[in-house]
Amino acid sequence: MSSYLSSLVDYISRSFFPTRSPAAAASKTSPKVVVRTGEKLFKVVGHSLIKDTRRMSECFHVGGYDWAVCYYPNGVATYIDDGQFASVYLVLMSECESKVKTSFTFSLLQDPAASPATDGGEKNKIHVTHSFRSKGVSLGVDKFVSKADLAALEYVKDDCLVIKCNLEVIDDRENAIGSIIVPPSSLKNIDLRNLLETGHKADLTINIVGSFRRFKVHGCMLAARSPVFRALLCGSMMESNKSRLSIDDTDAAVFDLLLYYIYNDCLPEFMDEATEEATNMAQHLFVAADRYGVERLKLMCESKLSQSLDVDTVGSVLDLAERCNCCQLKAHCLSYIERNCNRWPAIEETEGFAQLKVNHPLLAQDILAKAQRRSKNKRNRKKNGNKVQKK
């Protein structure tokens, strides 16, 4: 069984998961210019009921920032006097420490049931390039579409208007830390999700120790996607001849997500959201990806964690980065800590930083020493400035 499975894994790996060269994986990103993309499909329900008010979409997360689409059916009064044009704007919903360069496109979909993956009769596309300088700033198109066109071209169906926003966030700062680049998916045009959901022809049952969860999986898929599972299932180890495998180092919910990625080469939509649940799960999934050698998933988790750093999480994320020897993620954490000395007291009080002190005391001591020096320098500069003013 071991030799047959090994041959099958080799075939699947060559056919479906081709090896990329390092250059090919990062070919769309230069060392100093990183572009992050995202998409929002905003359905304005009850369009005829909107009078003089605006409608704003739910937030979506791109490039480390939260955004929203804001629609004015009668235009913005400051710019549109006759109210014959609708306006649409992109709003920055997060704080930013420097200007955020963007390139975005608004368009209308004629099919309200269209998904983001389809064009849905995409019309009236308008491209905009702007830089956002602070939270709450809205930039966009004053005369997006006329009311006459809305009626004539039947954009509003069942009293629902669908606005599509494609957003690119551009980071070209000279001193920017190199963003964590995630290679494109190898399974883009292959649908293996049904295999996991149905367990059809599954030949292996995975038991999570301490949980009632059981996962019916395909040994060749796990072996093709993870070198650790490949060693377990195709090598001379005892597990290679078993139809059951026990896992005692990963939580059932985390392992469920790991399997989702192995079969889909992506993560569920909730992992793209800027929520505490998604951030916490990214930390656990990062550890699992490192443990099982799933490198692209590890990069996805690194990217997610680097974009969602805050006072409460930076200590625990830095602890993980140091433990797993992730230099880029560590650099993002240190940069976040050092950028604003007002954060240091709050960071030091978190459980994550307390754990960092235990696991990596030298790193924690170095951070605290730098914080003290910078605070002292800041007090001295302020003191010297007051002396100059008195003179």
Protein backbone atom coordinates (compact mmCIF):
# COMPACT_ATOMS: atom_id res chain seq x y z
CA MET A 1 0.00 0.00 0.00
CA SER A 2 2.84 2.35 0.87
CA SER A 3 4.55 2.12 -2.55
CA TYR A 4 1.23 2.48 -4.40
CA LEU A 5 0.25 5.53 -2.35
CA SER A 6 3.67 7.06 -2.85
CA SER A 7 3.38 6.69 -6.64
CA LEU A 8 -0.13 8.14 -6.59
CA VAL A 9 1.05 11.10 -4.51
CA ASP A 10 3.90 11.78 -6.96
CA TYR A 11 1.41 11.84 -9.85
CA ILE A 12 -1.02 14.16 -8.06
CA SER A 13 1.78 16.49 -6.97
CA ARG A 14 3.14 16.84 -10.53
CA SER A 15 -0.30 17.23 -12.11
CA PHE A 16 -2.14 19.49 -9.69
CA PHE A 17 0.48 21.16 -7.49
CA PRO A 18 3.40 22.15 -9.75
CA THR A 19 6.45 23.57 -8.05
CA ARG A 20 6.95 27.30 -8.56
CA SER A 21 10.26 29.01 -8.73
CA PRO A 22 10.75 31.81 -6.16
CA ALA A 23 10.81 34.39 -8.96
CA ALA A 24 7.49 33.23 -10.39
CA ALA A 25 5.78 33.38 -7.03
CA ALA A 26 6.59 37.09 -6.55
CA SER A 27 6.55 38.22 -10.18
CA LYS A 28 3.64 40.63 -9.68
CA THR A 29 5.26 42.51 -6.82
CA SER A 30 8.39 44.65 -6.85
CA PRO A 31 10.53 45.04 -3.70
CA LYS A 32 9.22 48.54 -3.01
CA VAL A 33 5.71 48.46 -4.55
CA VAL A 34 3.11 46.08 -3.15
CA VAL A 35 -0.48 46.06 -4.45
CA ARG A 36 -3.26 44.41 -2.46
CA THR A 37 -6.60 43.89 -4.15
CA GLY A 38 -10.16 43.34 -2.97
CA GLU A 39 -13.74 43.51 -4.16
CA LYS A 40 -17.09 44.57 -2.72
CA LEU A 41 -20.53 43.87 -4.12
CA PHE A 42 -22.91 46.45 -2.61
CA LYS A 43 -26.63 45.72 -3.01
CA VAL A 44 -28.79 48.80 -2.42
CA VAL A 45 -32.13 47.23 -1.46
CA GLY A 46 -35.28 49.37 -1.47
CA HIS A 47 -33.78 51.89 -3.88
CA SER A 48 -37.04 53.77 -4.47
CA LEU A 49 -37.49 54.34 -0.73
CA ILE A 50 -34.26 56.33 -0.40
CA LYS A 51 -35.02 60.03 -0.41
CA ASP A 52 -32.42 62.54 0.73
CA THR A 53 -30.30 60.09 2.69
CA ARG A 54 -27.29 58.01 1.76
CA ARG A 55 -26.73 54.29 1.94
CA MET A 56 -23.44 52.78 3.15
CA SER A 57 -22.22 49.22 2.65
CA GLU A 58 -20.82 46.92 5.28
CA CYS A 59 -17.08 47.25 5.84
CA PHE A 60 -14.64 45.17 3.82
CA HIS A 61 -10.93 44.69 4.48
CA VAL A 62 -8.22 45.37 1.89
CA GLY A 63 -4.53 46.16 2.35
CA GLY A 64 -4.71 46.29 6.13
CA TYR A 65 -7.55 48.86 6.20
CA ASP A 66 -11.34 48.78 6.51
CA TRP A 67 -13.37 50.36 3.70
CA ALA A 68 -17.00 51.03 2.84
CA VAL A 69 -18.92 52.10 -0.26
CA CYS A 70 -21.22 55.10 0.19
CA TYR A 71 -24.06 55.72 -2.29
CA TYR A 72 -26.03 58.98 -2.69
CA PRO A 73 -29.06 58.40 -4.98
CA ASN A 74 -29.60 62.16 -5.42
CA GLY A 75 -25.94 63.09 -5.51
CA VAL A 76 -23.97 65.07 -2.98
CA ALA A 77 -25.62 68.46 -2.57
CA THR A 78 -22.28 70.28 -2.39
CA TYR A 79 -21.38 69.21 -5.92
CA ILE A 80 -24.66 68.22 -7.64
CA ASP A 81 -27.22 71.01 -7.67
CA ASP A 82 -30.00 69.51 -9.76
CA GLY A 83 -30.09 66.06 -8.11
CA GLN A 84 -30.19 64.32 -11.49
CA PHE A 85 -27.04 62.29 -10.85
CA ALA A 86 -26.23 59.67 -8.25
CA SER A 87 -22.86 59.81 -6.51
CA VAL A 88 -20.73 56.98 -5.14
CA TYR A 89 -17.71 57.20 -2.85
CA LEU A 90 -15.15 54.96 -1.21
CA VAL A 91 -14.72 55.67 2.52
CA LEU A 92 -11.67 54.84 4.64
CA MET A 93 -13.02 53.43 7.91
CA SER A 94 -9.68 52.78 9.66
CA GLU A 95 -7.03 54.98 11.21
CA CYS A 96 -3.92 55.49 9.08
CA GLU A 97 -0.50 56.83 10.02
CA SER A 98 0.41 57.99 6.50
CA LYS A 99 -1.43 58.54 3.24
CA VAL A 100 -2.96 55.44 1.68
CA LYS A 101 -2.63 55.28 -2.11
CA THR A 102 -5.50 53.57 -3.90
CA SER A 103 -6.81 52.77 -7.34
CA PHE A 104 -10.45 51.71 -7.51
CA THR A 105 -13.24 51.10 -9.99
CA PHE A 106 -16.99 51.50 -9.55
CA SER A 107 -19.47 49.81 -11.87
CA LEU A 108 -23.12 48.75 -11.97
CA LEU A 109 -24.36 45.18 -12.35
CA GLN A 110 -27.58 44.51 -14.22
CA ASP A 111 -28.07 41.18 -12.45
CA PRO A 112 -28.77 41.65 -8.69
CA ALA A 113 -28.18 37.93 -8.12
CA ALA A 114 -24.68 38.05 -9.61
CA SER A 115 -21.77 36.88 -7.49
CA PRO A 116 -18.46 38.80 -7.25
CA ALA A 117 -16.85 36.19 -9.49
CA THR A 118 -19.09 37.07 -12.46
CA ASP A 119 -19.50 40.33 -14.33
CA GLY A 120 -23.33 40.15 -14.12
CA GLY A 121 -23.69 42.54 -17.07
CA GLU A 122 -21.16 45.00 -15.67
CA LYS A 123 -21.76 48.53 -17.02
CA ASN A 124 -20.92 52.18 -16.38
CA LYS A 125 -17.41 51.37 -15.17
CA ILE A 126 -15.48 54.38 -13.83
CA HIS A 127 -11.87 54.24 -12.61
CA VAL A 128 -10.52 56.52 -9.87
CA THR A 129 -7.06 57.04 -8.36
CA HIS A 130 -6.80 58.81 -5.00
CA SER A 131 -4.81 58.96 -1.76
CA PHE A 132 -6.60 58.82 1.59
CA ARG A 133 -4.99 60.75 4.45
CA SER A 134 -7.23 60.09 7.46
CA LYS A 135 -10.11 58.02 8.78
CA GLY A 136 -13.52 59.04 7.49
CA VAL A 137 -12.26 60.56 4.24
CA SER A 138 -14.52 59.73 1.28
CA LEU A 139 -13.37 59.99 -2.33
CA GLY A 140 -15.12 58.92 -5.49
CA VAL A 141 -17.39 59.96 -8.36
CA ASP A 142 -19.79 62.92 -8.10
CA LYS A 143 -21.70 62.15 -11.32
CA PHE A 144 -21.63 58.36 -11.25
CA VAL A 145 -24.84 57.69 -13.18
CA SER A 146 -27.81 59.82 -14.20
CA LYS A 147 -31.32 59.02 -13.04
CA ALA A 148 -32.37 58.86 -16.68
CA ASP A 149 -29.82 56.12 -17.40
CA LEU A 150 -30.82 54.22 -14.28
CA ALA A 151 -34.39 54.05 -15.56
CA ALA A 152 -33.64 53.53 -19.27
CA LEU A 153 -30.97 50.83 -18.87
CA GLU A 154 -32.87 48.93 -16.18
CA TYR A 155 -30.06 48.91 -13.63
CA VAL A 156 -32.63 48.84 -10.83
CA LYS A 157 -34.37 45.46 -10.73
CA ASP A 158 -36.84 44.45 -8.05
CA ASP A 159 -36.03 47.80 -6.43
CA CYS A 160 -32.40 46.70 -5.98
CA LEU A 161 -29.29 48.41 -7.37
CA VAL A 162 -25.99 46.51 -7.39
CA ILE A 163 -22.73 48.50 -7.22
CA LYS A 164 -19.42 46.72 -7.67
CA CYS A 165 -16.18 48.16 -6.28
CA ASN A 166 -12.76 46.78 -7.20
CA LEU A 167 -10.07 48.22 -4.94
CA GLU A 168 -6.27 48.21 -5.10
CA VAL A 169 -4.26 49.51 -2.13
CA ILE A 170 -0.77 50.52 -3.23
CA ASP A 171 2.20 50.60 -0.85
CA ASP A 172 5.24 52.22 -2.47
CA ARG A 173 6.85 53.87 0.57
CA GLU A 174 10.63 53.81 0.51
CA ASN A 175 10.81 52.65 4.12
CA ALA A 176 7.93 50.16 3.92
CA ILE A 177 8.57 46.68 5.20
CA GLY A 178 8.36 44.16 2.40
CA SER A 179 4.83 42.80 2.52
CA ILE A 180 4.33 39.08 2.98
CA ILE A 181 3.66 37.72 -0.50
CA VAL A 182 1.28 34.79 -0.91
CA PRO A 183 1.77 32.83 -4.18
CA PRO A 184 -1.33 32.31 -6.36
CA SER A 185 -3.42 29.18 -5.94
CA SER A 186 -2.51 25.96 -7.74
CA LEU A 187 -6.12 24.75 -7.53
CA LYS A 188 -7.80 27.75 -9.15
CA ASN A 189 -9.66 25.72 -11.77
CA ILE A 190 -9.96 22.43 -9.88
CA ASP A 191 -12.95 21.72 -7.60
CA LEU A 192 -12.06 19.18 -4.92
CA ARG A 193 -14.37 20.58 -2.24
CA ASN A 194 -17.02 17.92 -2.81
CA LEU A 195 -14.52 15.17 -1.98
CA LEU A 196 -14.03 16.54 1.52
CA GLU A 197 -17.71 17.32 2.11
CA THR A 198 -18.98 13.89 1.02
CA GLY A 199 -16.03 11.73 2.06
CA HIS A 200 -16.47 9.82 -1.22
CA LYS A 201 -13.81 7.12 -1.60
CA ALA A 202 -12.10 8.33 1.61
CA ASP A 203 -9.48 5.86 2.78
CA LEU A 204 -8.38 7.43 6.05
CA THR A 205 -10.15 8.51 9.24
CA ILE A 206 -8.46 11.12 11.40
CA ASN A 207 -9.31 11.21 15.10
CA ILE A 208 -8.65 14.39 17.08
CA VAL A 209 -7.58 13.34 20.56
CA GLY A 210 -9.78 14.94 23.22
CA SER A 211 -12.59 15.61 20.74
CA PHE A 212 -15.51 13.66 19.30
CA ARG A 213 -14.69 14.97 15.80
CA ARG A 214 -13.72 12.45 13.13
CA PHE A 215 -12.57 13.45 9.66
CA LYS A 216 -12.87 11.13 6.66
CA VAL A 217 -10.11 12.15 4.25
CA HIS A 218 -8.08 10.94 1.29
CA GLY A 219 -4.55 9.95 2.21
CA CYS A 220 -3.17 10.88 -1.22
CA MET A 221 -4.50 14.48 -0.86
CA LEU A 222 -2.94 14.97 2.56
CA ALA A 223 0.34 13.44 1.43
CA ALA A 224 0.45 15.58 -1.72
CA ARG A 225 -0.16 18.77 0.22
CA SER A 226 1.91 18.24 3.37
CA PRO A 227 5.40 16.75 3.68
CA VAL A 228 4.61 15.73 7.26
CA PHE A 229 1.55 13.73 6.23
CA ARG A 230 3.54 12.34 3.34
CA ALA A 231 6.13 10.98 5.77
CA LEU A 232 3.38 9.52 7.96
CA LEU A 233 1.42 7.90 5.14
CA CYS A 234 4.03 7.00 2.53
CA GLY A 235 7.12 6.30 4.58
CA SER A 236 8.23 3.35 6.64
CA MET A 237 6.50 4.72 9.75
CA MET A 238 3.83 2.61 11.42
CA GLU A 239 1.00 4.93 10.35
CA SER A 240 1.59 4.18 6.65
CA ASN A 241 -0.37 0.91 6.89
CA LYS A 242 -3.24 2.23 9.00
CA SER A 243 -6.68 3.43 7.94
CA ARG A 244 -6.95 5.54 11.11
CA LEU A 245 -4.69 8.30 12.36
CA SER A 246 -4.82 10.11 15.72
CA ILE A 247 -3.85 13.80 15.99
CA ASP A 248 -3.10 15.15 19.48
CA ASP A 249 -1.35 18.44 18.71
CA THR A 250 -4.10 20.39 16.93
CA ASP A 251 -7.58 21.53 17.98
CA ALA A 252 -10.51 20.07 16.01
CA ALA A 253 -11.73 23.46 14.74
CA VAL A 254 -8.23 24.38 13.59
CA PHE A 255 -7.72 21.00 11.91
CA ASP A 256 -11.08 21.45 10.15
CA LEU A 257 -9.76 24.69 8.62
CA LEU A 258 -6.47 23.02 7.74
CA LEU A 259 -8.38 20.35 5.80
CA TYR A 260 -10.52 23.02 4.14
CA TYR A 261 -7.35 24.65 2.85
CA ILE A 262 -5.76 21.36 1.75
CA TYR A 263 -8.75 20.55 -0.46
CA ASN A 264 -9.60 24.11 -1.61
CA ASP A 265 -6.29 26.02 -1.56
CA CYS A 266 -8.15 28.89 0.09
CA LEU A 267 -9.86 29.69 3.39
CA PRO A 268 -13.54 30.31 4.22
CA GLU A 269 -14.85 33.84 3.71
CA PHE A 270 -15.01 34.61 7.44
CA MET A 271 -11.19 34.46 7.56
CA ASP A 272 -11.06 37.57 5.32
CA GLU A 273 -13.06 39.60 7.82
CA ALA A 274 -11.44 42.02 10.26
CA THR A 275 -12.84 40.27 13.34
CA GLU A 276 -11.31 39.03 16.57
CA GLU A 277 -12.47 35.49 15.71
CA ALA A 278 -10.64 35.53 12.36
CA THR A 279 -7.45 36.96 13.89
CA ASN A 280 -7.39 34.41 16.73
CA MET A 281 -8.00 31.56 14.31
CA ALA A 282 -5.21 32.85 12.06
CA GLN A 283 -2.78 32.49 14.99
CA HIS A 284 -3.79 28.88 15.66
CA LEU A 285 -3.83 28.03 11.95
CA PHE A 286 -0.39 29.59 11.55
CA VAL A 287 0.98 27.14 14.15
CA ALA A 288 -0.74 24.19 12.45
CA ALA A 289 0.55 25.21 9.01
CA ASP A 290 4.07 25.44 10.40
CA ARG A 291 3.73 22.07 12.15
CA TYR A 292 2.54 20.27 9.00
CA GLY A 293 4.73 22.13 6.53
CA VAL A 294 1.90 23.76 4.54
CA GLU A 295 3.96 26.74 3.46
CA ARG A 296 1.44 28.71 1.39
CA LEU A 297 -1.14 28.53 4.17
CA LYS A 298 1.52 29.69 6.60
CA LEU A 299 2.18 32.72 4.39
CA MET A 300 -1.55 33.46 4.21
CA CYS A 301 -1.74 33.45 8.00
CA GLU A 302 1.39 35.62 8.27
CA SER A 303 -0.14 38.13 5.85
CA LYS A 304 -3.44 38.17 7.78
CA LEU A 305 -1.68 38.65 11.13
CA SER A 306 0.65 41.36 9.82
CA GLN A 307 -2.35 43.39 8.59
CA SER A 308 -4.41 43.04 11.78
CA LEU A 309 -1.83 43.94 14.42
CA ASP A 310 -3.05 45.97 17.36
CA VAL A 311 -2.05 46.63 20.97
CA ASP A 312 -3.77 43.46 22.19
CA THR A 313 -2.35 41.03 19.59
CA VAL A 314 1.14 42.24 18.71
CA GLY A 315 2.78 40.52 21.72
CA SER A 316 1.32 37.09 21.00
CA VAL A 317 1.98 37.39 17.26
CA LEU A 318 5.59 38.38 17.90
CA ASP A 319 5.92 35.36 20.21
CA LEU A 320 4.68 33.10 17.38
CA ALA A 321 6.94 34.75 14.80
CA GLU A 322 10.00 34.24 16.99
CA ARG A 323 9.05 30.66 17.80
CA CYS A 324 8.57 29.73 14.12
CA ASN A 325 11.52 31.82 12.88
CA CYS A 326 9.36 34.05 10.64
CA CYS A 327 11.55 37.07 9.96
CA GLN A 328 9.01 39.10 7.94
CA LEU A 329 6.23 38.74 10.49
CA LYS A 330 8.66 39.58 13.29
CA ALA A 331 9.76 42.71 11.40
CA HIS A 332 6.10 43.82 11.04
CA CYS A 333 5.54 43.35 14.79
CA LEU A 334 8.67 45.29 15.78
CA SER A 335 7.80 48.07 13.34
CA TYR A 336 4.29 48.34 14.83
CA ILE A 337 5.69 48.53 18.38
CA GLU A 338 8.38 51.08 17.55
CA ARG A 339 6.25 53.43 15.44
CA ASN A 340 4.36 54.86 18.41
CA CYS A 341 5.90 54.98 21.89
CA ASN A 342 2.47 55.73 23.41
CA ARG A 343 1.54 52.10 22.74
CA TRP A 344 4.34 50.57 24.78
CA PRO A 345 2.78 50.69 28.28
CA ALA A 346 -0.45 49.07 27.03
CA ILE A 347 1.42 46.42 25.02
CA GLU A 348 3.56 45.51 28.02
CA GLU A 349 0.43 44.79 30.09
CA THR A 350 -1.04 42.25 27.62
CA GLU A 351 -1.00 38.48 28.13
CA GLY A 352 0.76 38.08 24.78
CA PHE A 353 3.72 40.22 25.83
CA ALA A 354 3.85 38.42 29.19
CA GLN A 355 4.15 35.15 27.27
CA LEU A 356 6.89 36.69 25.10
CA LYS A 357 8.85 37.52 28.26
CA VAL A 358 8.66 33.87 29.33
CA ASN A 359 9.43 32.27 25.96
CA HIS A 360 11.87 34.83 24.56
CA PRO A 361 13.19 36.96 27.44
CA LEU A 362 16.11 38.50 25.52
CA LEU A 363 13.82 39.79 22.76
CA ALA A 364 11.37 41.21 25.32
CA GLN A 365 14.21 42.90 27.25
CA ASP A 366 15.57 44.43 24.05
CA ILE A 367 12.14 45.85 23.16
CA LEU A 368 11.66 47.32 26.64
CA ALA A 369 15.16 48.82 26.63
CA LYS A 370 14.48 50.53 23.29
CA ALA A 371 11.13 51.75 24.58
CA GLN A 372 12.74 53.30 27.65
CA ARG A 373 15.44 54.99 25.57
CA ARG A 374 12.91 56.43 23.15
CA SER A 375 10.66 57.65 25.94
CA LYS A 376 13.62 59.30 27.62
CA ASN A 377 14.70 60.96 24.35
CA LYS A 378 11.16 62.19 23.79
CA ARG A 379 11.02 63.73 27.28
CA ASN A 380 14.40 65.38 26.73
CA ARG A 381 13.32 66.87 23.40
CA LYS A 382 10.15 68.21 24.99
CA LYS A 383 12.13 69.64 27.92
CA ASN A 384 14.67 71.30 25.62
CA GLY A 385 11.84 72.75 23.52
CA ASN A 386 10.24 74.33 26.59
CA LYS A 387 13.59 75.90 27.54
CA VAL A 388 13.93 77.45 24.10
CA GLN A 389 10.41 78.90 24.29
CA LYS A 390 11.15 80.47 27.71
CA LYS A 391 14.28 82.16 26.37
